[in-house]
Amino acid sequence: MEVENIFTVPELAKQLNLTERAIRFYESKGLIAPKRAGNIRILNYKDRARLIIIKRAKKLGFSLNDIKTYLDLYDVDHKHEKQAKVALKGIKKRLEQLKDQQKEIKVIISELKKLEAQIESTNN
């Protein structure tokens, strides 16, 4: 019989380079659902996998609502077809947002360079 890997919040926080507070926050938002042994939260390999997905998705700029939708589908659709469709839709949406931001950043950089040149020319 195989024993399930279990973790405490401090263990996973250290392993995944997260704060314990972040893990408790993700629990409060329904992204993970650790079991309890008294006051101690016990997390399993699924919770660990979910935290890795959460961390990666946050790094890519996805909202907690987007992440929750994606994670909730994981439990419903064991073939992961719906999850893949939602992920693809979210990725395309995020790429569009980033492209828009990229355009805005280029405009701002251009304006700042003009302003910089103007100030430098008046001070020389």
PDB file of N, CA and C in Angstrom:
ATOM      1  N   MET A   1       0.831  -1.176   0.000  1.00  0.00           N
ATOM      2  CA  MET A   1       0.000   0.000   0.000  1.00  0.00           C
ATOM      3  C   MET A   1       0.881   1.246   0.000  1.00  0.00           C
ATOM      4  N   GLU A   2       0.576   2.175  -0.892  1.00  0.00           N
ATOM      5  CA  GLU A   2       1.374   3.389  -1.031  1.00  0.00           C
ATOM      6  C   GLU A   2       0.880   4.451  -0.048  1.00  0.00           C
ATOM      7  N   VAL A   3       1.831   5.083   0.627  1.00  0.00           N
ATOM      8  CA  VAL A   3       1.490   6.147   1.567  1.00  0.00           C
ATOM      9  C   VAL A   3       1.499   7.470   0.804  1.00  0.00           C
ATOM     10  N   GLU A   4       0.425   8.231   0.998  1.00  0.00           N
ATOM     11  CA  GLU A   4       0.295   9.520   0.311  1.00  0.00           C
ATOM     12  C   GLU A   4       1.276  10.524   0.911  1.00  0.00           C
ATOM     13  N   ASN A   5       1.938  11.287   0.037  1.00  0.00           N
ATOM     14  CA  ASN A   5       2.814  12.353   0.512  1.00  0.00           C
ATOM     15  C   ASN A   5       1.968  13.439   1.141  1.00  0.00           C
ATOM     16  N   ILE A   6       2.301  13.785   2.363  1.00  0.00           N
ATOM     17  CA  ILE A   6       1.595  14.869   3.022  1.00  0.00           C
ATOM     18  C   ILE A   6       2.599  15.923   3.452  1.00  0.00           C
ATOM     19  N   PHE A   7       2.108  17.154   3.529  1.00  0.00           N
ATOM     20  CA  PHE A   7       2.957  18.287   3.845  1.00  0.00           C
ATOM     21  C   PHE A   7       2.238  19.208   4.816  1.00  0.00           C
ATOM     22  N   THR A   8       3.015  19.949   5.572  1.00  0.00           N
ATOM     23  CA  THR A   8       2.451  21.020   6.381  1.00  0.00           C
ATOM     24  C   THR A   8       2.624  22.318   5.598  1.00  0.00           C
ATOM     25  N   VAL A   9       1.935  23.357   6.023  1.00  0.00           N
ATOM     26  CA  VAL A   9       2.064  24.655   5.357  1.00  0.00           C
ATOM     27  C   VAL A   9       3.516  25.136   5.371  1.00  0.00           C
ATOM     28  N   PRO A  10       4.219  25.092   6.512  1.00  0.00           N
ATOM     29  CA  PRO A  10       5.613  25.541   6.492  1.00  0.00           C
ATOM     30  C   PRO A  10       6.507  24.744   5.536  1.00  0.00           C
ATOM     31  N   GLU A  11       6.263  23.432   5.444  1.00  0.00           N
ATOM     32  CA  GLU A  11       7.063  22.598   4.538  1.00  0.00           C
ATOM     33  C   GLU A  11       6.855  23.022   3.085  1.00  0.00           C
ATOM     34  N   LEU A  12       5.591  23.152   2.688  1.00  0.00           N
ATOM     35  CA  LEU A  12       5.317  23.538   1.299  1.00  0.00           C
ATOM     36  C   LEU A  12       5.756  24.966   1.020  1.00  0.00           C
ATOM     37  N   ALA A  13       5.593  25.837   1.984  1.00  0.00           N
ATOM     38  CA  ALA A  13       6.036  27.221   1.798  1.00  0.00           C
ATOM     39  C   ALA A  13       7.527  27.240   1.470  1.00  0.00           C
ATOM     40  N   LYS A  14       8.289  26.471   2.207  1.00  0.00           N
ATOM     41  CA  LYS A  14       9.739  26.411   1.977  1.00  0.00           C
ATOM     42  C   LYS A  14      10.061  25.761   0.629  1.00  0.00           C
ATOM     43  N   GLN A  15       9.414  24.629   0.347  1.00  0.00           N
ATOM     44  CA  GLN A  15       9.660  23.906  -0.909  1.00  0.00           C
ATOM     45  C   GLN A  15       9.357  24.756  -2.137  1.00  0.00           C
ATOM     46  N   LEU A  16       8.244  25.487  -2.079  1.00  0.00           N
ATOM     47  CA  LEU A  16       7.752  26.201  -3.254  1.00  0.00           C
ATOM     48  C   LEU A  16       8.112  27.688  -3.256  1.00  0.00           C
ATOM     49  N   ASN A  17       8.883  28.097  -2.266  1.00  0.00           N
ATOM     50  CA  ASN A  17       9.290  29.496  -2.156  1.00  0.00           C
ATOM     51  C   ASN A  17       8.065  30.425  -2.116  1.00  0.00           C
ATOM     52  N   LEU A  18       7.114  30.058  -1.257  1.00  0.00           N
ATOM     53  CA  LEU A  18       5.924  30.858  -0.998  1.00  0.00           C
ATOM     54  C   LEU A  18       5.916  31.221   0.476  1.00  0.00           C
ATOM     55  N   THR A  19       5.143  32.201   0.835  1.00  0.00           N
ATOM     56  CA  THR A  19       4.973  32.478   2.257  1.00  0.00           C
ATOM     57  C   THR A  19       3.835  31.618   2.796  1.00  0.00           C
ATOM     58  N   GLU A  20       3.884  31.354   4.085  1.00  0.00           N
ATOM     59  CA  GLU A  20       2.789  30.615   4.713  1.00  0.00           C
ATOM     60  C   GLU A  20       1.501  31.412   4.589  1.00  0.00           C
ATOM     61  N   ARG A  21       1.627  32.713   4.677  1.00  0.00           N
ATOM     62  CA  ARG A  21       0.463  33.588   4.548  1.00  0.00           C
ATOM     63  C   ARG A  21      -0.186  33.435   3.172  1.00  0.00           C
ATOM     64  N   ALA A  22       0.646  33.331   2.114  1.00  0.00           N
ATOM     65  CA  ALA A  22       0.120  33.160   0.759  1.00  0.00           C
ATOM     66  C   ALA A  22      -0.672  31.859   0.655  1.00  0.00           C
ATOM     67  N   ILE A  23      -0.138  30.804   1.237  1.00  0.00           N
ATOM     68  CA  ILE A  23      -0.833  29.514   1.184  1.00  0.00           C
ATOM     69  C   ILE A  23      -2.176  29.610   1.907  1.00  0.00           C
ATOM     70  N   ARG A  24      -2.189  30.242   3.067  1.00  0.00           N
ATOM     71  CA  ARG A  24      -3.462  30.413   3.794  1.00  0.00           C
ATOM     72  C   ARG A  24      -4.426  31.296   2.994  1.00  0.00           C
ATOM     73  N   PHE A  25      -3.894  32.307   2.310  1.00  0.00           N
ATOM     74  CA  PHE A  25      -4.727  33.173   1.470  1.00  0.00           C
ATOM     75  C   PHE A  25      -5.357  32.365   0.340  1.00  0.00           C
ATOM     76  N   TYR A  26      -4.567  31.534  -0.333  1.00  0.00           N
ATOM     77  CA  TYR A  26      -5.100  30.703  -1.417  1.00  0.00           C
ATOM     78  C   TYR A  26      -6.167  29.745  -0.887  1.00  0.00           C
ATOM     79  N   GLU A  27      -5.983  29.268   0.333  1.00  0.00           N
ATOM     80  CA  GLU A  27      -7.008  28.429   0.953  1.00  0.00           C
ATOM     81  C   GLU A  27      -8.289  29.242   1.170  1.00  0.00           C
ATOM     82  N   SER A  28      -8.151  30.462   1.655  1.00  0.00           N
ATOM     83  CA  SER A  28      -9.329  31.299   1.932  1.00  0.00           C
ATOM     84  C   SER A  28     -10.094  31.636   0.653  1.00  0.00           C
ATOM     85  N   LYS A  29      -9.411  31.623  -0.484  1.00  0.00           N
ATOM     86  CA  LYS A  29     -10.041  31.914  -1.770  1.00  0.00           C
ATOM     87  C   LYS A  29     -10.563  30.643  -2.444  1.00  0.00           C
ATOM     88  N   GLY A  30     -10.402  29.498  -1.784  1.00  0.00           N
ATOM     89  CA  GLY A  30     -10.929  28.245  -2.320  1.00  0.00           C
ATOM     90  C   GLY A  30     -10.070  27.610  -3.396  1.00  0.00           C
ATOM     91  N   LEU A  31      -8.810  28.027  -3.494  1.00  0.00           N
ATOM     92  CA  LEU A  31      -7.927  27.458  -4.516  1.00  0.00           C
ATOM     93  C   LEU A  31      -7.313  26.134  -4.073  1.00  0.00           C
ATOM     94  N   ILE A  32      -7.157  25.969  -2.784  1.00  0.00           N
ATOM     95  CA  ILE A  32      -6.709  24.700  -2.212  1.00  0.00           C
ATOM     96  C   ILE A  32      -7.627  24.400  -1.028  1.00  0.00           C
ATOM     97  N   ALA A  33      -7.685  23.133  -0.656  1.00  0.00           N
ATOM     98  CA  ALA A  33      -8.546  22.738   0.464  1.00  0.00           C
ATOM     99  C   ALA A  33      -7.826  21.704   1.327  1.00  0.00           C
ATOM    100  N   PRO A  34      -6.864  22.172   2.128  1.00  0.00           N
ATOM    101  CA  PRO A  34      -6.132  21.215   2.969  1.00  0.00           C
ATOM    102  C   PRO A  34      -7.018  20.590   4.037  1.00  0.00           C
ATOM    103  N   LYS A  35      -6.657  19.402   4.421  1.00  0.00           N
ATOM    104  CA  LYS A  35      -7.328  18.737   5.540  1.00  0.00           C
ATOM    105  C   LYS A  35      -6.743  19.342   6.819  1.00  0.00           C
ATOM    106  N   ARG A  36      -7.361  19.025   7.932  1.00  0.00           N
ATOM    107  CA  ARG A  36      -6.865  19.544   9.212  1.00  0.00           C
ATOM    108  C   ARG A  36      -6.667  18.410  10.194  1.00  0.00           C
ATOM    109  N   ALA A  37      -5.613  18.545  10.962  1.00  0.00           N
ATOM    110  CA  ALA A  37      -5.362  17.663  12.103  1.00  0.00           C
ATOM    111  C   ALA A  37      -5.224  18.601  13.295  1.00  0.00           C
ATOM    112  N   GLY A  38      -6.330  18.827  13.970  1.00  0.00           N
ATOM    113  CA  GLY A  38      -6.340  19.846  15.018  1.00  0.00           C
ATOM    114  C   GLY A  38      -6.224  21.212  14.362  1.00  0.00           C
ATOM    115  N   ASN A  39      -5.216  21.972  14.772  1.00  0.00           N
ATOM    116  CA  ASN A  39      -4.980  23.292  14.187  1.00  0.00           C
ATOM    117  C   ASN A  39      -4.002  23.250  13.014  1.00  0.00           C
ATOM    118  N   ILE A  40      -3.473  22.093  12.705  1.00  0.00           N
ATOM    119  CA  ILE A  40      -2.459  21.965  11.657  1.00  0.00           C
ATOM    120  C   ILE A  40      -3.129  21.639  10.326  1.00  0.00           C
ATOM    121  N   ARG A  41      -2.774  22.408   9.304  1.00  0.00           N
ATOM    122  CA  ARG A  41      -3.265  22.127   7.949  1.00  0.00           C
ATOM    123  C   ARG A  41      -2.369  21.053   7.338  1.00  0.00           C
ATOM    124  N   ILE A  42      -3.003  20.040   6.768  1.00  0.00           N
ATOM    125  CA  ILE A  42      -2.283  18.956   6.114  1.00  0.00           C
ATOM    126  C   ILE A  42      -2.592  19.033   4.623  1.00  0.00           C
ATOM    127  N   LEU A  43      -1.551  19.195   3.836  1.00  0.00           N
ATOM    128  CA  LEU A  43      -1.713  19.302   2.385  1.00  0.00           C
ATOM    129  C   LEU A  43      -1.176  18.033   1.735  1.00  0.00           C
ATOM    130  N   ASN A  44      -1.786  17.641   0.609  1.00  0.00           N
ATOM    131  CA  ASN A  44      -1.332  16.442  -0.093  1.00  0.00           C
ATOM    132  C   ASN A  44      -0.680  16.825  -1.423  1.00  0.00           C
ATOM    133  N   TYR A  45      -0.346  15.807  -2.220  1.00  0.00           N
ATOM    134  CA  TYR A  45       0.334  16.063  -3.489  1.00  0.00           C
ATOM    135  C   TYR A  45      -0.533  16.883  -4.445  1.00  0.00           C
ATOM    136  N   LYS A  46      -1.872  16.727  -4.375  1.00  0.00           N
ATOM    137  CA  LYS A  46      -2.764  17.525  -5.228  1.00  0.00           C
ATOM    138  C   LYS A  46      -2.714  19.002  -4.834  1.00  0.00           C
ATOM    139  N   ASP A  47      -2.698  19.253  -3.526  1.00  0.00           N
ATOM    140  CA  ASP A  47      -2.577  20.641  -3.059  1.00  0.00           C
ATOM    141  C   ASP A  47      -1.250  21.231  -3.520  1.00  0.00           C
ATOM    142  N   ARG A  48      -0.196  20.421  -3.439  1.00  0.00           N
ATOM    143  CA  ARG A  48       1.131  20.874  -3.880  1.00  0.00           C
ATOM    144  C   ARG A  48       1.104  21.209  -5.371  1.00  0.00           C
ATOM    145  N   ALA A  49       0.505  20.342  -6.168  1.00  0.00           N
ATOM    146  CA  ALA A  49       0.408  20.574  -7.614  1.00  0.00           C
ATOM    147  C   ALA A  49      -0.402  21.832  -7.904  1.00  0.00           C
ATOM    148  N   ARG A  50      -1.496  22.013  -7.171  1.00  0.00           N
ATOM    149  CA  ARG A  50      -2.330  23.209  -7.349  1.00  0.00           C
ATOM    150  C   ARG A  50      -1.537  24.467  -7.005  1.00  0.00           C
ATOM    151  N   LEU A  51      -0.742  24.407  -5.940  1.00  0.00           N
ATOM    152  CA  LEU A  51       0.067  25.574  -5.566  1.00  0.00           C
ATOM    153  C   LEU A  51       1.105  25.900  -6.641  1.00  0.00           C
ATOM    154  N   ILE A  52       1.661  24.882  -7.248  1.00  0.00           N
ATOM    155  CA  ILE A  52       2.629  25.111  -8.336  1.00  0.00           C
ATOM    156  C   ILE A  52       1.923  25.785  -9.510  1.00  0.00           C
ATOM    157  N   ILE A  53       0.728  25.320  -9.844  1.00  0.00           N
ATOM    158  CA  ILE A  53      -0.051  25.933 -10.929  1.00  0.00           C
ATOM    159  C   ILE A  53      -0.413  27.374 -10.572  1.00  0.00           C
ATOM    160  N   ILE A  54      -0.844  27.597  -9.343  1.00  0.00           N
ATOM    161  CA  ILE A  54      -1.204  28.949  -8.897  1.00  0.00           C
ATOM    162  C   ILE A  54      -0.002  29.883  -9.030  1.00  0.00           C
ATOM    163  N   LYS A  55       1.127  29.429  -8.547  1.00  0.00           N
ATOM    164  CA  LYS A  55       2.345  30.252  -8.579  1.00  0.00           C
ATOM    165  C   LYS A  55       2.721  30.610 -10.025  1.00  0.00           C
ATOM    166  N   ARG A  56       2.678  29.638 -10.896  1.00  0.00           N
ATOM    167  CA  ARG A  56       3.026  29.873 -12.300  1.00  0.00           C
ATOM    168  C   ARG A  56       2.022  30.808 -12.968  1.00  0.00           C
ATOM    169  N   ALA A  57       0.736  30.569 -12.729  1.00  0.00           N
ATOM    170  CA  ALA A  57      -0.304  31.401 -13.339  1.00  0.00           C
ATOM    171  C   ALA A  57      -0.232  32.842 -12.834  1.00  0.00           C
ATOM    172  N   LYS A  58       0.053  33.027 -11.551  1.00  0.00           N
ATOM    173  CA  LYS A  58       0.205  34.379 -11.002  1.00  0.00           C
ATOM    174  C   LYS A  58       1.391  35.080 -11.670  1.00  0.00           C
ATOM    175  N   LYS A  59       2.478  34.342 -11.856  1.00  0.00           N
ATOM    176  CA  LYS A  59       3.671  34.903 -12.501  1.00  0.00           C
ATOM    177  C   LYS A  59       3.353  35.364 -13.927  1.00  0.00           C
ATOM    178  N   LEU A  60       2.439  34.660 -14.587  1.00  0.00           N
ATOM    179  CA  LEU A  60       2.046  35.007 -15.954  1.00  0.00           C
ATOM    180  C   LEU A  60       0.960  36.081 -16.000  1.00  0.00           C
ATOM    181  N   GLY A  61       0.500  36.508 -14.815  1.00  0.00           N
ATOM    182  CA  GLY A  61      -0.438  37.616 -14.751  1.00  0.00           C
ATOM    183  C   GLY A  61      -1.907  37.252 -14.739  1.00  0.00           C
ATOM    184  N   PHE A  62      -2.222  35.988 -14.494  1.00  0.00           N
ATOM    185  CA  PHE A  62      -3.626  35.585 -14.444  1.00  0.00           C
ATOM    186  C   PHE A  62      -4.224  35.963 -13.096  1.00  0.00           C
ATOM    187  N   SER A  63      -5.513  36.298 -13.102  1.00  0.00           N
ATOM    188  CA  SER A  63      -6.207  36.667 -11.874  1.00  0.00           C
ATOM    189  C   SER A  63      -6.522  35.412 -11.064  1.00  0.00           C
ATOM    190  N   LEU A  64      -6.795  35.605  -9.784  1.00  0.00           N
ATOM    191  CA  LEU A  64      -7.173  34.463  -8.947  1.00  0.00           C
ATOM    192  C   LEU A  64      -8.476  33.837  -9.422  1.00  0.00           C
ATOM    193  N   ASN A  65      -9.396  34.649  -9.942  1.00  0.00           N
ATOM    194  CA  ASN A  65     -10.653  34.102 -10.481  1.00  0.00           C
ATOM    195  C   ASN A  65     -10.385  33.207 -11.684  1.00  0.00           C
ATOM    196  N   ASP A  66      -9.501  33.654 -12.582  1.00  0.00           N
ATOM    197  CA  ASP A  66      -9.133  32.827 -13.742  1.00  0.00           C
ATOM    198  C   ASP A  66      -8.494  31.516 -13.285  1.00  0.00           C
ATOM    199  N   ILE A  67      -7.616  31.621 -12.304  1.00  0.00           N
ATOM    200  CA  ILE A  67      -6.915  30.441 -11.802  1.00  0.00           C
ATOM    201  C   ILE A  67      -7.910  29.477 -11.155  1.00  0.00           C
ATOM    202  N   LYS A  68      -8.839  30.011 -10.386  1.00  0.00           N
ATOM    203  CA  LYS A  68      -9.847  29.163  -9.719  1.00  0.00           C
ATOM    204  C   LYS A  68     -10.713  28.435 -10.749  1.00  0.00           C
ATOM    205  N   THR A  69     -11.131  29.146 -11.783  1.00  0.00           N
ATOM    206  CA  THR A  69     -11.930  28.515 -12.840  1.00  0.00           C
ATOM    207  C   THR A  69     -11.168  27.349 -13.457  1.00  0.00           C
ATOM    208  N   TYR A  70      -9.910  27.581 -13.764  1.00  0.00           N
ATOM    209  CA  TYR A  70      -9.049  26.550 -14.354  1.00  0.00           C
ATOM    210  C   TYR A  70      -8.904  25.358 -13.407  1.00  0.00           C
ATOM    211  N   LEU A  71      -8.597  25.620 -12.141  1.00  0.00           N
ATOM    212  CA  LEU A  71      -8.395  24.538 -11.174  1.00  0.00           C
ATOM    213  C   LEU A  71      -9.684  23.765 -10.903  1.00  0.00           C
ATOM    214  N   ASP A  72     -10.809  24.464 -10.850  1.00  0.00           N
ATOM    215  CA  ASP A  72     -12.082  23.784 -10.608  1.00  0.00           C
ATOM    216  C   ASP A  72     -12.415  22.810 -11.727  1.00  0.00           C
ATOM    217  N   LEU A  73     -12.051  23.141 -12.942  1.00  0.00           N
ATOM    218  CA  LEU A  73     -12.301  22.244 -14.072  1.00  0.00           C
ATOM    219  C   LEU A  73     -11.464  20.969 -13.983  1.00  0.00           C
ATOM    220  N   TYR A  74     -10.321  21.064 -13.347  1.00  0.00           N
ATOM    221  CA  TYR A  74      -9.440  19.916 -13.217  1.00  0.00           C
ATOM    222  C   TYR A  74     -10.139  18.758 -12.517  1.00  0.00           C
ATOM    223  N   ASP A  75     -10.932  19.089 -11.484  1.00  0.00           N
ATOM    224  CA  ASP A  75     -11.631  18.050 -10.734  1.00  0.00           C
ATOM    225  C   ASP A  75     -12.861  17.523 -11.468  1.00  0.00           C
ATOM    226  N   VAL A  76     -13.471  18.335 -12.321  1.00  0.00           N
ATOM    227  CA  VAL A  76     -14.699  17.967 -13.019  1.00  0.00           C
ATOM    228  C   VAL A  76     -14.411  17.138 -14.270  1.00  0.00           C
ATOM    229  N   ASP A  77     -13.409  17.539 -15.016  1.00  0.00           N
ATOM    230  CA  ASP A  77     -13.126  16.942 -16.332  1.00  0.00           C
ATOM    231  C   ASP A  77     -11.826  16.142 -16.275  1.00  0.00           C
ATOM    232  N   HIS A  78     -11.938  14.844 -16.088  1.00  0.00           N
ATOM    233  CA  HIS A  78     -10.748  14.020 -15.933  1.00  0.00           C
ATOM    234  C   HIS A  78      -9.953  13.852 -17.220  1.00  0.00           C
ATOM    235  N   LYS A  79     -10.570  14.143 -18.363  1.00  0.00           N
ATOM    236  CA  LYS A  79      -9.827  14.101 -19.630  1.00  0.00           C
ATOM    237  C   LYS A  79      -9.125  15.426 -19.893  1.00  0.00           C
ATOM    238  N   HIS A  80      -9.465  16.437 -19.106  1.00  0.00           N
ATOM    239  CA  HIS A  80      -8.861  17.773 -19.167  1.00  0.00           C
ATOM    240  C   HIS A  80      -9.154  18.525 -20.456  1.00  0.00           C
ATOM    241  N   GLU A  81     -10.196  18.116 -21.184  1.00  0.00           N
ATOM    242  CA  GLU A  81     -10.542  18.801 -22.429  1.00  0.00           C
ATOM    243  C   GLU A  81     -11.099  20.196 -22.154  1.00  0.00           C
ATOM    244  N   LYS A  82     -12.029  20.295 -21.204  1.00  0.00           N
ATOM    245  CA  LYS A  82     -12.596  21.599 -20.852  1.00  0.00           C
ATOM    246  C   LYS A  82     -11.520  22.497 -20.263  1.00  0.00           C
ATOM    247  N   GLN A  83     -10.683  21.912 -19.440  1.00  0.00           N
ATOM    248  CA  GLN A  83      -9.586  22.668 -18.819  1.00  0.00           C
ATOM    249  C   GLN A  83      -8.657  23.238 -19.887  1.00  0.00           C
ATOM    250  N   ALA A  84      -8.339  22.429 -20.889  1.00  0.00           N
ATOM    251  CA  ALA A  84      -7.459  22.886 -21.962  1.00  0.00           C
ATOM    252  C   ALA A  84      -8.100  24.028 -22.745  1.00  0.00           C
ATOM    253  N   LYS A  85      -9.416  23.925 -23.011  1.00  0.00           N
ATOM    254  CA  LYS A  85     -10.110  24.993 -23.741  1.00  0.00           C
ATOM    255  C   LYS A  85     -10.118  26.292 -22.944  1.00  0.00           C
ATOM    256  N   VAL A  86     -10.402  26.187 -21.652  1.00  0.00           N
ATOM    257  CA  VAL A  86     -10.405  27.371 -20.794  1.00  0.00           C
ATOM    258  C   VAL A  86      -9.006  27.968 -20.712  1.00  0.00           C
ATOM    259  N   ALA A  87      -8.000  27.110 -20.572  1.00  0.00           N
ATOM    260  CA  ALA A  87      -6.618  27.583 -20.502  1.00  0.00           C
ATOM    261  C   ALA A  87      -6.236  28.303 -21.788  1.00  0.00           C
ATOM    262  N   LEU A  88      -6.569  27.723 -22.925  1.00  0.00           N
ATOM    263  CA  LEU A  88      -6.230  28.337 -24.206  1.00  0.00           C
ATOM    264  C   LEU A  88      -6.914  29.691 -24.366  1.00  0.00           C
ATOM    265  N   LYS A  89      -8.187  29.753 -23.991  1.00  0.00           N
ATOM    266  CA  LYS A  89      -8.921  31.017 -24.057  1.00  0.00           C
ATOM    267  C   LYS A  89      -8.262  32.064 -23.153  1.00  0.00           C
ATOM    268  N   GLY A  90      -7.895  31.651 -21.942  1.00  0.00           N
ATOM    269  CA  GLY A  90      -7.240  32.561 -21.003  1.00  0.00           C
ATOM    270  C   GLY A  90      -5.886  33.023 -21.497  1.00  0.00           C
ATOM    271  N   ILE A  91      -5.138  32.125 -22.101  1.00  0.00           N
ATOM    272  CA  ILE A  91      -3.816  32.464 -22.632  1.00  0.00           C
ATOM    273  C   ILE A  91      -3.947  33.480 -23.760  1.00  0.00           C
ATOM    274  N   LYS A  92      -4.893  33.245 -24.661  1.00  0.00           N
ATOM    275  CA  LYS A  92      -5.096  34.186 -25.775  1.00  0.00           C
ATOM    276  C   LYS A  92      -5.501  35.563 -25.256  1.00  0.00           C
ATOM    277  N   LYS A  93      -6.384  35.579 -24.276  1.00  0.00           N
ATOM    278  CA  LYS A  93      -6.823  36.849 -23.678  1.00  0.00           C
ATOM    279  C   LYS A  93      -5.637  37.566 -23.029  1.00  0.00           C
ATOM    280  N   ARG A  94      -4.829  36.817 -22.292  1.00  0.00           N
ATOM    281  CA  ARG A  94      -3.662  37.411 -21.610  1.00  0.00           C
ATOM    282  C   ARG A  94      -2.661  37.936 -22.631  1.00  0.00           C
ATOM    283  N   LEU A  95      -2.447  37.205 -23.717  1.00  0.00           N
ATOM    284  CA  LEU A  95      -1.532  37.666 -24.768  1.00  0.00           C
ATOM    285  C   LEU A  95      -2.011  38.979 -25.379  1.00  0.00           C
ATOM    286  N   GLU A  96      -3.312  39.097 -25.606  1.00  0.00           N
ATOM    287  CA  GLU A  96      -3.867  40.345 -26.141  1.00  0.00           C
ATOM    288  C   GLU A  96      -3.645  41.496 -25.164  1.00  0.00           C
ATOM    289  N   GLN A  97      -3.864  41.238 -23.882  1.00  0.00           N
ATOM    290  CA  GLN A  97      -3.637  42.268 -22.865  1.00  0.00           C
ATOM    291  C   GLN A  97      -2.180  42.719 -22.879  1.00  0.00           C
ATOM    292  N   LEU A  98      -1.274  41.759 -22.951  1.00  0.00           N
ATOM    293  CA  LEU A  98       0.154  42.085 -22.951  1.00  0.00           C
ATOM    294  C   LEU A  98       0.562  42.838 -24.211  1.00  0.00           C
ATOM    295  N   LYS A  99      -0.017  42.468 -25.350  1.00  0.00           N
ATOM    296  CA  LYS A  99       0.280  43.189 -26.596  1.00  0.00           C
ATOM    297  C   LYS A  99      -0.184  44.639 -26.497  1.00  0.00           C
ATOM    298  N   ASP A 100      -1.376  44.844 -25.910  1.00  0.00           N
ATOM    299  CA  ASP A 100      -1.871  46.209 -25.714  1.00  0.00           C
ATOM    300  C   ASP A 100      -0.950  46.987 -24.783  1.00  0.00           C
ATOM    301  N   GLN A 101      -0.528  46.344 -23.707  1.00  0.00           N
ATOM    302  CA  GLN A 101       0.386  47.000 -22.771  1.00  0.00           C
ATOM    303  C   GLN A 101       1.716  47.315 -23.437  1.00  0.00           C
ATOM    304  N   GLN A 102       2.171  46.412 -24.289  1.00  0.00           N
ATOM    305  CA  GLN A 102       3.431  46.607 -24.991  1.00  0.00           C
ATOM    306  C   GLN A 102       3.357  47.856 -25.882  1.00  0.00           C
ATOM    307  N   LYS A 103       2.227  48.023 -26.572  1.00  0.00           N
ATOM    308  CA  LYS A 103       2.034  49.211 -27.405  1.00  0.00           C
ATOM    309  C   LYS A 103       2.063  50.478 -26.550  1.00  0.00           C
ATOM    310  N   GLU A 104       1.352  50.425 -25.416  1.00  0.00           N
ATOM    311  CA  GLU A 104       1.319  51.575 -24.527  1.00  0.00           C
ATOM    312  C   GLU A 104       2.703  51.901 -23.989  1.00  0.00           C
ATOM    313  N   ILE A 105       3.451  50.886 -23.646  1.00  0.00           N
ATOM    314  CA  ILE A 105       4.806  51.087 -23.119  1.00  0.00           C
ATOM    315  C   ILE A 105       5.702  51.724 -24.180  1.00  0.00           C
ATOM    316  N   LYS A 106       5.577  51.286 -25.432  1.00  0.00           N
ATOM    317  CA  LYS A 106       6.380  51.876 -26.512  1.00  0.00           C
ATOM    318  C   LYS A 106       6.077  53.365 -26.659  1.00  0.00           C
ATOM    319  N   VAL A 107       4.799  53.734 -26.574  1.00  0.00           N
ATOM    320  CA  VAL A 107       4.403  55.139 -26.671  1.00  0.00           C
ATOM    321  C   VAL A 107       4.997  55.929 -25.502  1.00  0.00           C
ATOM    322  N   ILE A 108       4.894  55.388 -24.305  1.00  0.00           N
ATOM    323  CA  ILE A 108       5.417  56.073 -23.121  1.00  0.00           C
ATOM    324  C   ILE A 108       6.926  56.240 -23.222  1.00  0.00           C
ATOM    325  N   ILE A 109       7.628  55.196 -23.652  1.00  0.00           N
ATOM    326  CA  ILE A 109       9.087  55.286 -23.811  1.00  0.00           C
ATOM    327  C   ILE A 109       9.442  56.369 -24.818  1.00  0.00           C
ATOM    328  N   SER A 110       8.728  56.411 -25.926  1.00  0.00           N
ATOM    329  CA  SER A 110       8.971  57.428 -26.941  1.00  0.00           C
ATOM    330  C   SER A 110       8.771  58.828 -26.374  1.00  0.00           C
ATOM    331  N   GLU A 111       7.681  59.023 -25.646  1.00  0.00           N
ATOM    332  CA  GLU A 111       7.401  60.327 -25.043  1.00  0.00           C
ATOM    333  C   GLU A 111       8.452  60.705 -24.007  1.00  0.00           C
ATOM    334  N   LEU A 112       8.872  59.746 -23.208  1.00  0.00           N
ATOM    335  CA  LEU A 112       9.898  60.022 -22.203  1.00  0.00           C
ATOM    336  C   LEU A 112      11.233  60.384 -22.848  1.00  0.00           C
ATOM    337  N   LYS A 113      11.572  59.703 -23.947  1.00  0.00           N
ATOM    338  CA  LYS A 113      12.820  60.028 -24.658  1.00  0.00           C
ATOM    339  C   LYS A 113      12.772  61.439 -25.227  1.00  0.00           C
ATOM    340  N   LYS A 114      11.616  61.835 -25.761  1.00  0.00           N
ATOM    341  CA  LYS A 114      11.452  63.200 -26.276  1.00  0.00           C
ATOM    342  C   LYS A 114      11.619  64.214 -25.154  1.00  0.00           C
ATOM    343  N   LEU A 115      10.971  63.954 -24.036  1.00  0.00           N
ATOM    344  CA  LEU A 115      11.060  64.845 -22.890  1.00  0.00           C
ATOM    345  C   LEU A 115      12.488  64.925 -22.368  1.00  0.00           C
ATOM    346  N   GLU A 116      13.148  63.789 -22.312  1.00  0.00           N
ATOM    347  CA  GLU A 116      14.539  63.743 -21.876  1.00  0.00           C
ATOM    348  C   GLU A 116      15.412  64.580 -22.797  1.00  0.00           C
ATOM    349  N   ALA A 117      15.217  64.435 -24.107  1.00  0.00           N
ATOM    350  CA  ALA A 117      16.010  65.201 -25.079  1.00  0.00           C
ATOM    351  C   ALA A 117      15.746  66.687 -24.946  1.00  0.00           C
ATOM    352  N   GLN A 118      14.496  67.064 -24.747  1.00  0.00           N
ATOM    353  CA  GLN A 118      14.153  68.476 -24.583  1.00  0.00           C
ATOM    354  C   GLN A 118      14.842  69.061 -23.351  1.00  0.00           C
ATOM    355  N   ILE A 119      14.787  68.354 -22.249  1.00  0.00           N
ATOM    356  CA  ILE A 119      15.399  68.856 -21.017  1.00  0.00           C
ATOM    357  C   ILE A 119      16.910  68.953 -21.172  1.00  0.00           C
ATOM    358  N   GLU A 120      17.508  67.929 -21.764  1.00  0.00           N
ATOM    359  CA  GLU A 120      18.958  67.939 -21.948  1.00  0.00           C
ATOM    360  C   GLU A 120      19.393  69.070 -22.881  1.00  0.00           C
ATOM    361  N   SER A 121      18.595  69.347 -23.932  1.00  0.00           N
ATOM    362  CA  SER A 121      18.970  70.410 -24.875  1.00  0.00           C
ATOM    363  C   SER A 121      18.826  71.803 -24.230  1.00  0.00           C
ATOM    364  N   THR A 122      17.901  71.964 -23.311  1.00  0.00           N
ATOM    365  CA  THR A 122      17.746  73.274 -22.658  1.00  0.00           C
ATOM    366  C   THR A 122      18.768  73.475 -21.555  1.00  0.00           C
ATOM    367  N   ASN A 123      19.342  72.392 -21.030  1.00  0.00           N
ATOM    368  CA  ASN A 123      20.326  72.506 -19.968  1.00  0.00           C
ATOM    369  C   ASN A 123      21.761  72.505 -20.487  1.00  0.00           C
ATOM    370  N   ASN A 124      21.943  72.444 -21.794  1.00  0.00           N
ATOM    371  CA  ASN A 124      23.308  72.438 -22.358  1.00  0.00           C
ATOM    372  C   ASN A 124      23.624  73.719 -23.044  1.00  0.00           C
TER     373      ASN A 124
END
